[in-house]
């Protein structure tokens, strides 16, 4: 088969933005489905399935969500964080990451209804974070003469998907 979009260079900020937003949408769909699965199991009174679904969400967070967040912090947040107008926005983004990582820690110890609630909180916190990235941070980077979204994410599959 042909190469995926991560294999060819992202030449423009528009292409990079499209790739990131596509990957973000896929991640949001996944985290929401995983959180909903815990809720459904708890509502059905199926303790075993609820436990398994919680484990699935924890695993996804560890393998996908947290590496994605950490990968963004250096290259994607670095440049904007050094600008006058961007540093507070980036500080807010980093606080979001800490909140989400804290929720994942909380989820690890939770069972039943609490796990369902925390799982849902992770999905919603991630959704809010993406809205800020897509609507505030990325347009700021794309519009800044000294910053390049395409440069920032080059080769980073955790950010643009594979």
C-alpha atoms as a PDB file:
ATOM      1  CA  UNK A   1       0.000   0.000   0.000  1.00  0.00           C
ATOM      2  CA  UNK A   2       0.984   3.666  -0.243  1.00  0.00           C
ATOM      3  CA  UNK A   3       2.432   5.736   2.533  1.00  0.00           C
ATOM      4  CA  UNK A   4       0.255   7.307   5.213  1.00  0.00           C
ATOM      5  CA  UNK A   5       0.209  11.075   5.645  1.00  0.00           C
ATOM      6  CA  UNK A   6       2.893  10.917   8.349  1.00  0.00           C
ATOM      7  CA  UNK A   7       5.381   9.656   5.768  1.00  0.00           C
ATOM      8  CA  UNK A   8       5.239  12.656   3.492  1.00  0.00           C
ATOM      9  CA  UNK A   9       6.350  16.054   4.627  1.00  0.00           C
ATOM     10  CA  UNK A  10       3.712  18.457   5.893  1.00  0.00           C
ATOM     11  CA  UNK A  11       4.667  21.411   3.731  1.00  0.00           C
ATOM     12  CA  UNK A  12       2.286  24.040   4.976  1.00  0.00           C
ATOM     13  CA  UNK A  13       0.761  25.086   8.266  1.00  0.00           C
ATOM     14  CA  UNK A  14      -2.648  24.356   6.726  1.00  0.00           C
ATOM     15  CA  UNK A  15      -1.644  20.750   6.016  1.00  0.00           C
ATOM     16  CA  UNK A  16      -0.166  20.388   9.484  1.00  0.00           C
ATOM     17  CA  UNK A  17      -3.304  21.838  11.075  1.00  0.00           C
ATOM     18  CA  UNK A  18      -5.523  19.466   9.085  1.00  0.00           C
ATOM     19  CA  UNK A  19      -3.392  16.472  10.150  1.00  0.00           C
ATOM     20  CA  UNK A  20      -3.416  17.483  13.820  1.00  0.00           C
ATOM     21  CA  UNK A  21      -7.147  18.200  13.843  1.00  0.00           C
ATOM     22  CA  UNK A  22      -7.874  14.861  12.155  1.00  0.00           C
ATOM     23  CA  UNK A  23      -5.769  13.027  14.748  1.00  0.00           C
ATOM     24  CA  UNK A  24      -7.394  14.995  17.578  1.00  0.00           C
ATOM     25  CA  UNK A  25     -10.899  14.148  16.322  1.00  0.00           C
ATOM     26  CA  UNK A  26      -9.977  10.457  16.201  1.00  0.00           C
ATOM     27  CA  UNK A  27      -8.544  10.595  19.744  1.00  0.00           C
ATOM     28  CA  UNK A  28     -11.621  12.385  21.083  1.00  0.00           C
ATOM     29  CA  UNK A  29     -13.890   9.784  19.487  1.00  0.00           C
ATOM     30  CA  UNK A  30     -11.847   6.997  21.088  1.00  0.00           C
ATOM     31  CA  UNK A  31     -11.681   8.471  24.617  1.00  0.00           C
ATOM     32  CA  UNK A  32     -15.408   9.219  24.528  1.00  0.00           C
ATOM     33  CA  UNK A  33     -16.252   5.660  23.427  1.00  0.00           C
ATOM     34  CA  UNK A  34     -14.031   4.197  26.159  1.00  0.00           C
ATOM     35  CA  UNK A  35     -15.602   6.427  28.828  1.00  0.00           C
ATOM     36  CA  UNK A  36     -19.121   5.584  27.593  1.00  0.00           C
ATOM     37  CA  UNK A  37     -18.300   1.867  27.823  1.00  0.00           C
ATOM     38  CA  UNK A  38     -17.528   2.213  31.558  1.00  0.00           C
ATOM     39  CA  UNK A  39     -20.776   4.132  32.105  1.00  0.00           C
ATOM     40  CA  UNK A  40     -22.799   1.497  30.219  1.00  0.00           C
ATOM     41  CA  UNK A  41     -21.264  -1.351  32.240  1.00  0.00           C
ATOM     42  CA  UNK A  42     -21.895   0.447  35.544  1.00  0.00           C
ATOM     43  CA  UNK A  43     -25.489   1.217  34.534  1.00  0.00           C
ATOM     44  CA  UNK A  44     -25.974  -2.462  33.642  1.00  0.00           C
ATOM     45  CA  UNK A  45     -24.604  -3.463  37.048  1.00  0.00           C
ATOM     46  CA  UNK A  46     -21.808  -5.466  35.390  1.00  0.00           C
ATOM     47  CA  UNK A  47     -18.903  -5.038  37.804  1.00  0.00           C
ATOM     48  CA  UNK A  48     -16.490  -7.242  35.846  1.00  0.00           C
ATOM     49  CA  UNK A  49     -17.060  -5.467  32.547  1.00  0.00           C
ATOM     50  CA  UNK A  50     -16.858  -2.056  34.254  1.00  0.00           C
ATOM     51  CA  UNK A  51     -13.455  -3.059  35.675  1.00  0.00           C
ATOM     52  CA  UNK A  52     -12.254  -4.265  32.247  1.00  0.00           C
ATOM     53  CA  UNK A  53     -13.499  -1.135  30.474  1.00  0.00           C
ATOM     54  CA  UNK A  54     -11.764   1.048  33.059  1.00  0.00           C
ATOM     55  CA  UNK A  55      -8.540  -0.878  32.412  1.00  0.00           C
ATOM     56  CA  UNK A  56      -9.011  -0.249  28.667  1.00  0.00           C
ATOM     57  CA  UNK A  57      -9.331   3.501  29.236  1.00  0.00           C
ATOM     58  CA  UNK A  58      -6.309   3.618  31.583  1.00  0.00           C
ATOM     59  CA  UNK A  59      -4.269   1.705  28.990  1.00  0.00           C
ATOM     60  CA  UNK A  60      -5.350   4.031  26.178  1.00  0.00           C
ATOM     61  CA  UNK A  61      -4.491   7.077  28.276  1.00  0.00           C
ATOM     62  CA  UNK A  62      -1.040   5.655  29.061  1.00  0.00           C
ATOM     63  CA  UNK A  63      -0.288   4.578  25.490  1.00  0.00           C
ATOM     64  CA  UNK A  64      -1.945   7.360  23.486  1.00  0.00           C
ATOM     65  CA  UNK A  65      -3.234  10.347  25.421  1.00  0.00           C
ATOM     66  CA  UNK A  66      -0.311  11.054  27.760  1.00  0.00           C
ATOM     67  CA  UNK A  67       2.436  10.457  25.133  1.00  0.00           C
ATOM     68  CA  UNK A  68       0.480  12.783  22.799  1.00  0.00           C
ATOM     69  CA  UNK A  69       0.344  15.486  25.470  1.00  0.00           C
ATOM     70  CA  UNK A  70       4.028  15.118  26.358  1.00  0.00           C
ATOM     71  CA  UNK A  71       5.016  15.164  22.668  1.00  0.00           C
ATOM     72  CA  UNK A  72       3.191  18.475  22.216  1.00  0.00           C
ATOM     73  CA  UNK A  73       4.870  20.212  25.117  1.00  0.00           C
ATOM     74  CA  UNK A  74       8.343  20.621  23.615  1.00  0.00           C
ATOM     75  CA  UNK A  75       8.073  21.293  19.896  1.00  0.00           C
ATOM     76  CA  UNK A  76       4.522  22.569  19.644  1.00  0.00           C
ATOM     77  CA  UNK A  77       4.307  24.640  22.817  1.00  0.00           C
ATOM     78  CA  UNK A  78       7.951  25.732  22.976  1.00  0.00           C
ATOM     79  CA  UNK A  79       7.959  28.444  20.312  1.00  0.00           C
ATOM     80  CA  UNK A  80       4.623  29.974  21.281  1.00  0.00           C
ATOM     81  CA  UNK A  81       5.617  29.823  24.944  1.00  0.00           C
ATOM     82  CA  UNK A  82       8.555  32.121  24.257  1.00  0.00           C
ATOM     83  CA  UNK A  83       6.410  34.844  22.675  1.00  0.00           C
ATOM     84  CA  UNK A  84       4.832  37.775  24.531  1.00  0.00           C
ATOM     85  CA  UNK A  85       1.262  36.873  23.697  1.00  0.00           C
ATOM     86  CA  UNK A  86       1.669  33.100  23.635  1.00  0.00           C
ATOM     87  CA  UNK A  87       3.233  32.311  26.988  1.00  0.00           C
ATOM     88  CA  UNK A  88       0.048  32.572  29.086  1.00  0.00           C
ATOM     89  CA  UNK A  89      -1.885  30.483  26.571  1.00  0.00           C
ATOM     90  CA  UNK A  90       0.817  27.802  26.677  1.00  0.00           C
ATOM     91  CA  UNK A  91       0.853  27.948  30.488  1.00  0.00           C
ATOM     92  CA  UNK A  92      -2.885  27.221  30.415  1.00  0.00           C
ATOM     93  CA  UNK A  93      -2.315  24.298  28.042  1.00  0.00           C
ATOM     94  CA  UNK A  94       0.329  22.822  30.350  1.00  0.00           C
ATOM     95  CA  UNK A  95      -2.088  23.129  33.276  1.00  0.00           C
ATOM     96  CA  UNK A  96      -4.663  21.210  31.205  1.00  0.00           C
ATOM     97  CA  UNK A  97      -2.119  18.434  30.669  1.00  0.00           C
ATOM     98  CA  UNK A  98      -1.411  18.247  34.408  1.00  0.00           C
ATOM     99  CA  UNK A  99      -5.148  18.098  35.152  1.00  0.00           C
ATOM    100  CA  UNK A 100      -5.684  15.295  32.629  1.00  0.00           C
ATOM    101  CA  UNK A 101      -2.668  13.319  33.922  1.00  0.00           C
ATOM    102  CA  UNK A 102      -4.022  13.767  37.471  1.00  0.00           C
ATOM    103  CA  UNK A 103      -7.409  12.426  36.373  1.00  0.00           C
ATOM    104  CA  UNK A 104      -5.732   9.369  34.817  1.00  0.00           C
ATOM    105  CA  UNK A 105      -4.006   8.716  38.167  1.00  0.00           C
ATOM    106  CA  UNK A 106      -7.389   9.054  39.883  1.00  0.00           C
ATOM    107  CA  UNK A 107      -8.973   6.671  37.377  1.00  0.00           C
ATOM    108  CA  UNK A 108      -6.351   4.024  38.104  1.00  0.00           C
ATOM    109  CA  UNK A 109      -7.588   3.783  41.714  1.00  0.00           C
ATOM    110  CA  UNK A 110     -11.312   4.152  40.956  1.00  0.00           C
ATOM    111  CA  UNK A 111     -13.944   1.455  40.485  1.00  0.00           C
ATOM    112  CA  UNK A 112     -17.621   1.385  39.582  1.00  0.00           C
ATOM    113  CA  UNK A 113     -19.539   4.644  39.475  1.00  0.00           C
ATOM    114  CA  UNK A 114     -16.447   6.633  40.467  1.00  0.00           C
ATOM    115  CA  UNK A 115     -14.477   5.157  37.555  1.00  0.00           C
ATOM    116  CA  UNK A 116     -17.341   6.039  35.198  1.00  0.00           C
ATOM    117  CA  UNK A 117     -17.391   9.612  36.513  1.00  0.00           C
ATOM    118  CA  UNK A 118     -13.626  10.074  36.289  1.00  0.00           C
ATOM    119  CA  UNK A 119     -13.535   8.478  32.827  1.00  0.00           C
ATOM    120  CA  UNK A 120     -16.150  10.915  31.636  1.00  0.00           C
ATOM    121  CA  UNK A 121     -14.215  13.802  33.236  1.00  0.00           C
ATOM    122  CA  UNK A 122     -11.112  12.766  31.264  1.00  0.00           C
ATOM    123  CA  UNK A 123     -13.071  12.759  27.990  1.00  0.00           C
ATOM    124  CA  UNK A 124     -14.605  16.179  28.704  1.00  0.00           C
ATOM    125  CA  UNK A 125     -11.317  17.719  29.908  1.00  0.00           C
ATOM    126  CA  UNK A 126      -9.626  16.467  26.738  1.00  0.00           C
ATOM    127  CA  UNK A 127     -12.466  17.871  24.610  1.00  0.00           C
ATOM    128  CA  UNK A 128     -12.125  21.310  26.224  1.00  0.00           C
ATOM    129  CA  UNK A 129      -8.339  21.188  25.827  1.00  0.00           C
ATOM    130  CA  UNK A 130      -8.642  20.354  22.118  1.00  0.00           C
ATOM    131  CA  UNK A 131     -11.071  23.209  21.607  1.00  0.00           C
ATOM    132  CA  UNK A 132      -8.459  25.603  23.040  1.00  0.00           C
ATOM    133  CA  UNK A 133      -5.631  24.101  20.994  1.00  0.00           C
ATOM    134  CA  UNK A 134      -7.569  24.046  17.730  1.00  0.00           C
ATOM    135  CA  UNK A 135      -9.258  27.409  18.233  1.00  0.00           C
ATOM    136  CA  UNK A 136      -6.608  29.461  20.030  1.00  0.00           C
ATOM    137  CA  UNK A 137      -3.097  28.004  20.060  1.00  0.00           C
ATOM    138  CA  UNK A 138      -2.794  26.582  16.540  1.00  0.00           C
ATOM    139  CA  UNK A 139      -4.192  29.662  14.788  1.00  0.00           C
ATOM    140  CA  UNK A 140      -1.809  31.787  16.897  1.00  0.00           C
ATOM    141  CA  UNK A 141       1.195  29.671  15.845  1.00  0.00           C
ATOM    142  CA  UNK A 142       0.061  29.616  12.202  1.00  0.00           C
ATOM    143  CA  UNK A 143      -0.372  33.417  12.130  1.00  0.00           C
ATOM    144  CA  UNK A 144       2.923  34.233  13.913  1.00  0.00           C
ATOM    145  CA  UNK A 145       5.661  35.245  11.452  1.00  0.00           C
ATOM    146  CA  UNK A 146       8.440  33.514  13.447  1.00  0.00           C
ATOM    147  CA  UNK A 147       6.598  30.270  14.162  1.00  0.00           C
ATOM    148  CA  UNK A 148       5.709  27.335  11.914  1.00  0.00           C
ATOM    149  CA  UNK A 149       3.149  24.715  12.789  1.00  0.00           C
ATOM    150  CA  UNK A 150       4.493  22.445  10.037  1.00  0.00           C
ATOM    151  CA  UNK A 151       8.072  22.730  11.378  1.00  0.00           C
ATOM    152  CA  UNK A 152       6.942  22.115  14.954  1.00  0.00           C
ATOM    153  CA  UNK A 153       5.227  18.798  14.277  1.00  0.00           C
ATOM    154  CA  UNK A 154       7.473  17.370  11.556  1.00  0.00           C
ATOM    155  CA  UNK A 155       7.909  13.643  12.107  1.00  0.00           C
ATOM    156  CA  UNK A 156       5.873  13.556  15.328  1.00  0.00           C
ATOM    157  CA  UNK A 157       3.393  10.721  14.836  1.00  0.00           C
ATOM    158  CA  UNK A 158       2.064  11.164  18.378  1.00  0.00           C
ATOM    159  CA  UNK A 159       0.757  14.576  17.306  1.00  0.00           C
ATOM    160  CA  UNK A 160      -0.260  14.186  13.674  1.00  0.00           C
ATOM    161  CA  UNK A 161      -1.211  10.512  13.683  1.00  0.00           C
ATOM    162  CA  UNK A 162       0.307   7.797  11.563  1.00  0.00           C
END
